[in-house]
Amino acid sequence: MRGARNGVARSEAVRGPYLLERHLEGVPYAARAGLDIALHDLIGKDLNVPLYRLFGLDPAMAPRTSLTMTIESLEETISNLPAAELFPIIK
């Protein structure tokens, strides 16, 4: 029986991030979301799959989002405008 337990432990160690419930057990709720998404990201990287595909999402169906620009000098703000073109809403 002892050998079986060691085999299970080795198997669990190899599966690493796939044991989400075990990793999240006892983690304070404030930190759980960050750890959960980090583990999902690690799984996606392990499978060479982007997170949207791992979750079965279609990027074309993603809700519109906005870009919040920081208050900077005029020159810095102008230099950040090309990145802002990707967003339909700028605030």
N, C-alpha and C. Protein backbone atom coordinates (compact mmCIF):
# COMPACT_ATOMS: atom_id res chain seq x y z
N MET A 1 0.82 -1.20 0.00
CA MET A 1 0.00 0.00 0.00
C MET A 1 0.86 1.26 0.00
N ARG A 2 1.99 1.16 0.67
CA ARG A 2 2.86 2.33 0.75
C ARG A 2 3.34 2.76 -0.64
N GLY A 3 3.68 1.80 -1.49
CA GLY A 3 4.13 2.11 -2.84
C GLY A 3 3.05 2.81 -3.64
N ALA A 4 1.81 2.41 -3.44
CA ALA A 4 0.70 3.05 -4.15
C ALA A 4 0.58 4.50 -3.74
N ARG A 5 0.75 4.75 -2.46
CA ARG A 5 0.66 6.14 -2.00
C ARG A 5 1.77 6.99 -2.61
N ASN A 6 2.97 6.45 -2.66
CA ASN A 6 4.07 7.20 -3.27
C ASN A 6 3.79 7.46 -4.75
N GLY A 7 3.21 6.48 -5.44
CA GLY A 7 2.86 6.66 -6.84
C GLY A 7 1.83 7.76 -7.02
N VAL A 8 0.85 7.81 -6.13
CA VAL A 8 -0.16 8.86 -6.21
C VAL A 8 0.48 10.22 -5.96
N ALA A 9 1.36 10.29 -4.97
CA ALA A 9 2.03 11.56 -4.67
C ALA A 9 2.85 12.03 -5.86
N ARG A 10 3.57 11.09 -6.50
CA ARG A 10 4.35 11.47 -7.68
C ARG A 10 3.43 11.93 -8.80
N SER A 11 2.32 11.24 -8.99
CA SER A 11 1.37 11.61 -10.03
C SER A 11 0.82 13.00 -9.77
N GLU A 12 0.50 13.31 -8.51
CA GLU A 12 -0.02 14.64 -8.17
C GLU A 12 1.04 15.71 -8.41
N ALA A 13 2.29 15.40 -8.11
CA ALA A 13 3.36 16.38 -8.32
C ALA A 13 3.54 16.68 -9.80
N VAL A 14 3.41 15.66 -10.64
CA VAL A 14 3.57 15.85 -12.08
C VAL A 14 2.42 16.69 -12.64
N ARG A 15 1.20 16.49 -12.15
CA ARG A 15 0.05 17.24 -12.66
C ARG A 15 0.06 18.68 -12.21
N GLY A 16 0.85 19.03 -11.22
CA GLY A 16 1.06 20.39 -10.75
C GLY A 16 -0.14 21.31 -10.79
N PRO A 17 -0.19 22.23 -11.76
CA PRO A 17 -1.24 23.24 -11.78
C PRO A 17 -2.64 22.67 -12.03
N TYR A 18 -2.72 21.41 -12.47
CA TYR A 18 -4.02 20.82 -12.76
C TYR A 18 -4.81 20.49 -11.50
N LEU A 19 -4.15 20.51 -10.37
CA LEU A 19 -4.82 20.24 -9.10
C LEU A 19 -5.34 21.55 -8.50
N LEU A 20 -6.20 22.23 -9.23
CA LEU A 20 -6.65 23.56 -8.84
C LEU A 20 -7.24 23.60 -7.44
N GLU A 21 -8.14 22.68 -7.14
CA GLU A 21 -8.79 22.71 -5.83
C GLU A 21 -7.78 22.56 -4.70
N ARG A 22 -6.79 21.70 -4.90
CA ARG A 22 -5.78 21.50 -3.86
C ARG A 22 -4.97 22.78 -3.65
N HIS A 23 -4.60 23.46 -4.73
CA HIS A 23 -3.80 24.68 -4.61
C HIS A 23 -4.60 25.83 -4.00
N LEU A 24 -5.89 25.84 -4.24
CA LEU A 24 -6.73 26.95 -3.78
C LEU A 24 -7.29 26.72 -2.38
N GLU A 25 -7.19 25.50 -1.89
CA GLU A 25 -7.73 25.17 -0.57
C GLU A 25 -7.04 26.00 0.51
N GLY A 26 -7.84 26.69 1.30
CA GLY A 26 -7.30 27.47 2.41
C GLY A 26 -6.73 28.83 2.02
N VAL A 27 -6.71 29.15 0.74
CA VAL A 27 -6.19 30.45 0.30
C VAL A 27 -7.25 31.51 0.58
N PRO A 28 -6.88 32.62 1.20
CA PRO A 28 -7.87 33.67 1.47
C PRO A 28 -8.56 34.11 0.18
N TYR A 29 -9.85 34.42 0.29
CA TYR A 29 -10.63 34.76 -0.90
C TYR A 29 -10.01 35.92 -1.67
N ALA A 30 -9.39 36.86 -0.99
CA ALA A 30 -8.81 38.01 -1.68
C ALA A 30 -7.68 37.60 -2.62
N ALA A 31 -7.00 36.51 -2.32
CA ALA A 31 -5.87 36.06 -3.14
C ALA A 31 -6.27 34.94 -4.09
N ARG A 32 -7.41 34.31 -3.84
CA ARG A 32 -7.80 33.13 -4.62
C ARG A 32 -7.97 33.42 -6.11
N ALA A 33 -8.58 34.53 -6.46
CA ALA A 33 -8.81 34.84 -7.87
C ALA A 33 -7.50 34.97 -8.63
N GLY A 34 -6.53 35.66 -8.04
CA GLY A 34 -5.24 35.83 -8.69
C GLY A 34 -4.51 34.52 -8.87
N LEU A 35 -4.53 33.68 -7.84
CA LEU A 35 -3.87 32.39 -7.93
C LEU A 35 -4.60 31.49 -8.93
N ASP A 36 -5.92 31.54 -8.93
CA ASP A 36 -6.71 30.73 -9.85
C ASP A 36 -6.38 31.06 -11.31
N ILE A 37 -6.36 32.34 -11.65
CA ILE A 37 -6.08 32.71 -13.04
C ILE A 37 -4.63 32.41 -13.39
N ALA A 38 -3.71 32.54 -12.42
CA ALA A 38 -2.30 32.21 -12.69
C ALA A 38 -2.15 30.72 -12.98
N LEU A 39 -2.87 29.87 -12.24
CA LEU A 39 -2.81 28.43 -12.49
C LEU A 39 -3.43 28.09 -13.85
N HIS A 40 -4.55 28.74 -14.18
CA HIS A 40 -5.14 28.50 -15.50
C HIS A 40 -4.19 28.95 -16.61
N ASP A 41 -3.51 30.06 -16.40
CA ASP A 41 -2.53 30.54 -17.39
C ASP A 41 -1.40 29.53 -17.55
N LEU A 42 -0.95 28.97 -16.44
CA LEU A 42 0.11 27.96 -16.49
C LEU A 42 -0.36 26.71 -17.24
N ILE A 43 -1.60 26.31 -17.02
CA ILE A 43 -2.16 25.16 -17.74
C ILE A 43 -2.22 25.47 -19.23
N GLY A 44 -2.68 26.67 -19.58
CA GLY A 44 -2.73 27.06 -20.99
C GLY A 44 -1.36 27.03 -21.63
N LYS A 45 -0.36 27.51 -20.93
CA LYS A 45 1.01 27.49 -21.46
C LYS A 45 1.51 26.05 -21.60
N ASP A 46 1.16 25.21 -20.63
CA ASP A 46 1.57 23.81 -20.70
C ASP A 46 0.94 23.12 -21.91
N LEU A 47 -0.29 23.46 -22.21
CA LEU A 47 -1.00 22.86 -23.36
C LEU A 47 -0.77 23.63 -24.66
N ASN A 48 -0.04 24.76 -24.57
CA ASN A 48 0.18 25.64 -25.71
C ASN A 48 -1.15 26.12 -26.32
N VAL A 49 -2.06 26.52 -25.41
CA VAL A 49 -3.40 26.97 -25.80
C VAL A 49 -3.66 28.31 -25.11
N PRO A 50 -4.11 29.33 -25.86
CA PRO A 50 -4.45 30.60 -25.20
C PRO A 50 -5.64 30.41 -24.25
N LEU A 51 -5.69 31.24 -23.21
CA LEU A 51 -6.74 31.10 -22.21
C LEU A 51 -8.14 31.17 -22.80
N TYR A 52 -8.38 32.05 -23.77
CA TYR A 52 -9.73 32.15 -24.32
C TYR A 52 -10.17 30.81 -24.91
N ARG A 53 -9.24 30.08 -25.53
CA ARG A 53 -9.58 28.78 -26.11
C ARG A 53 -9.75 27.73 -25.02
N LEU A 54 -8.90 27.80 -23.99
CA LEU A 54 -9.02 26.89 -22.86
C LEU A 54 -10.40 27.01 -22.21
N PHE A 55 -10.92 28.23 -22.16
CA PHE A 55 -12.23 28.48 -21.56
C PHE A 55 -13.37 28.34 -22.58
N GLY A 56 -13.02 28.06 -23.84
CA GLY A 56 -14.05 27.89 -24.86
C GLY A 56 -14.69 29.20 -25.29
N LEU A 57 -13.94 30.28 -25.28
CA LEU A 57 -14.46 31.60 -25.62
C LEU A 57 -14.08 32.01 -27.04
N ASP A 58 -14.88 32.88 -27.62
CA ASP A 58 -14.63 33.43 -28.95
C ASP A 58 -14.21 34.89 -28.78
N PRO A 59 -12.98 35.25 -29.14
CA PRO A 59 -12.53 36.63 -28.96
C PRO A 59 -13.43 37.65 -29.67
N ALA A 60 -14.04 37.26 -30.78
CA ALA A 60 -14.91 38.18 -31.50
C ALA A 60 -16.17 38.52 -30.70
N MET A 61 -16.50 37.68 -29.73
CA MET A 61 -17.68 37.90 -28.91
C MET A 61 -17.36 38.61 -27.59
N ALA A 62 -16.10 38.97 -27.40
CA ALA A 62 -15.70 39.64 -26.16
C ALA A 62 -16.37 41.01 -26.06
N PRO A 63 -16.75 41.40 -24.85
CA PRO A 63 -17.38 42.72 -24.70
C PRO A 63 -16.38 43.83 -25.01
N ARG A 64 -16.91 44.94 -25.47
CA ARG A 64 -16.04 46.10 -25.71
C ARG A 64 -15.45 46.57 -24.40
N THR A 65 -14.25 47.02 -24.47
CA THR A 65 -13.60 47.51 -23.26
C THR A 65 -13.00 48.88 -23.53
N SER A 66 -12.49 49.50 -22.51
CA SER A 66 -11.96 50.85 -22.65
C SER A 66 -10.51 50.90 -22.21
N LEU A 67 -9.87 51.99 -22.57
CA LEU A 67 -8.51 52.26 -22.14
C LEU A 67 -8.54 53.52 -21.30
N THR A 68 -7.99 53.44 -20.12
CA THR A 68 -7.88 54.63 -19.29
C THR A 68 -6.47 55.18 -19.47
N MET A 69 -6.40 56.39 -20.00
CA MET A 69 -5.09 57.01 -20.21
C MET A 69 -4.72 57.82 -18.98
N THR A 70 -3.47 57.76 -18.63
CA THR A 70 -3.00 58.50 -17.47
C THR A 70 -2.72 59.95 -17.86
N ILE A 71 -2.71 60.80 -16.87
CA ILE A 71 -2.39 62.21 -17.10
C ILE A 71 -0.87 62.34 -17.14
N GLU A 72 -0.38 62.73 -18.30
CA GLU A 72 1.06 62.88 -18.51
C GLU A 72 1.31 64.18 -19.26
N SER A 73 2.55 64.40 -19.60
CA SER A 73 2.85 65.57 -20.40
C SER A 73 2.20 65.41 -21.78
N LEU A 74 2.03 66.48 -22.49
CA LEU A 74 1.42 66.44 -23.82
C LEU A 74 2.20 65.50 -24.74
N GLU A 75 3.52 65.56 -24.69
CA GLU A 75 4.35 64.73 -25.55
C GLU A 75 4.16 63.24 -25.23
N GLU A 76 4.13 62.90 -23.93
CA GLU A 76 3.95 61.50 -23.55
C GLU A 76 2.56 61.00 -23.93
N THR A 77 1.56 61.83 -23.76
CA THR A 77 0.20 61.45 -24.13
C THR A 77 0.11 61.18 -25.62
N ILE A 78 0.69 62.05 -26.43
CA ILE A 78 0.67 61.86 -27.88
C ILE A 78 1.42 60.59 -28.26
N SER A 79 2.51 60.29 -27.58
CA SER A 79 3.26 59.08 -27.91
C SER A 79 2.48 57.81 -27.54
N ASN A 80 1.51 57.90 -26.64
CA ASN A 80 0.70 56.74 -26.25
C ASN A 80 -0.52 56.54 -27.14
N LEU A 81 -0.81 57.48 -28.02
CA LEU A 81 -2.02 57.39 -28.85
C LEU A 81 -2.07 56.17 -29.78
N PRO A 82 -0.97 55.72 -30.38
CA PRO A 82 -1.08 54.54 -31.25
C PRO A 82 -1.65 53.32 -30.53
N ALA A 83 -1.29 53.11 -29.28
CA ALA A 83 -1.83 51.98 -28.52
C ALA A 83 -3.31 52.18 -28.24
N ALA A 84 -3.75 53.42 -28.13
CA ALA A 84 -5.15 53.71 -27.84
C ALA A 84 -6.06 53.40 -29.03
N GLU A 85 -5.50 53.32 -30.22
CA GLU A 85 -6.31 53.04 -31.41
C GLU A 85 -6.97 51.66 -31.34
N LEU A 86 -6.46 50.78 -30.51
CA LEU A 86 -7.02 49.43 -30.39
C LEU A 86 -8.31 49.41 -29.57
N PHE A 87 -8.63 50.50 -28.89
CA PHE A 87 -9.77 50.55 -28.00
C PHE A 87 -10.86 51.47 -28.55
N PRO A 88 -12.11 51.03 -28.52
CA PRO A 88 -13.20 51.87 -29.02
C PRO A 88 -13.57 53.00 -28.07
N ILE A 89 -13.20 52.85 -26.79
CA ILE A 89 -13.53 53.85 -25.78
C ILE A 89 -12.25 54.24 -25.06
N ILE A 90 -12.00 55.54 -24.98
CA ILE A 90 -10.84 56.05 -24.29
C ILE A 90 -11.33 57.00 -23.21
N LYS A 91 -10.82 56.81 -22.02
CA LYS A 91 -11.19 57.73 -20.92
C LYS A 91 -9.97 58.20 -20.20
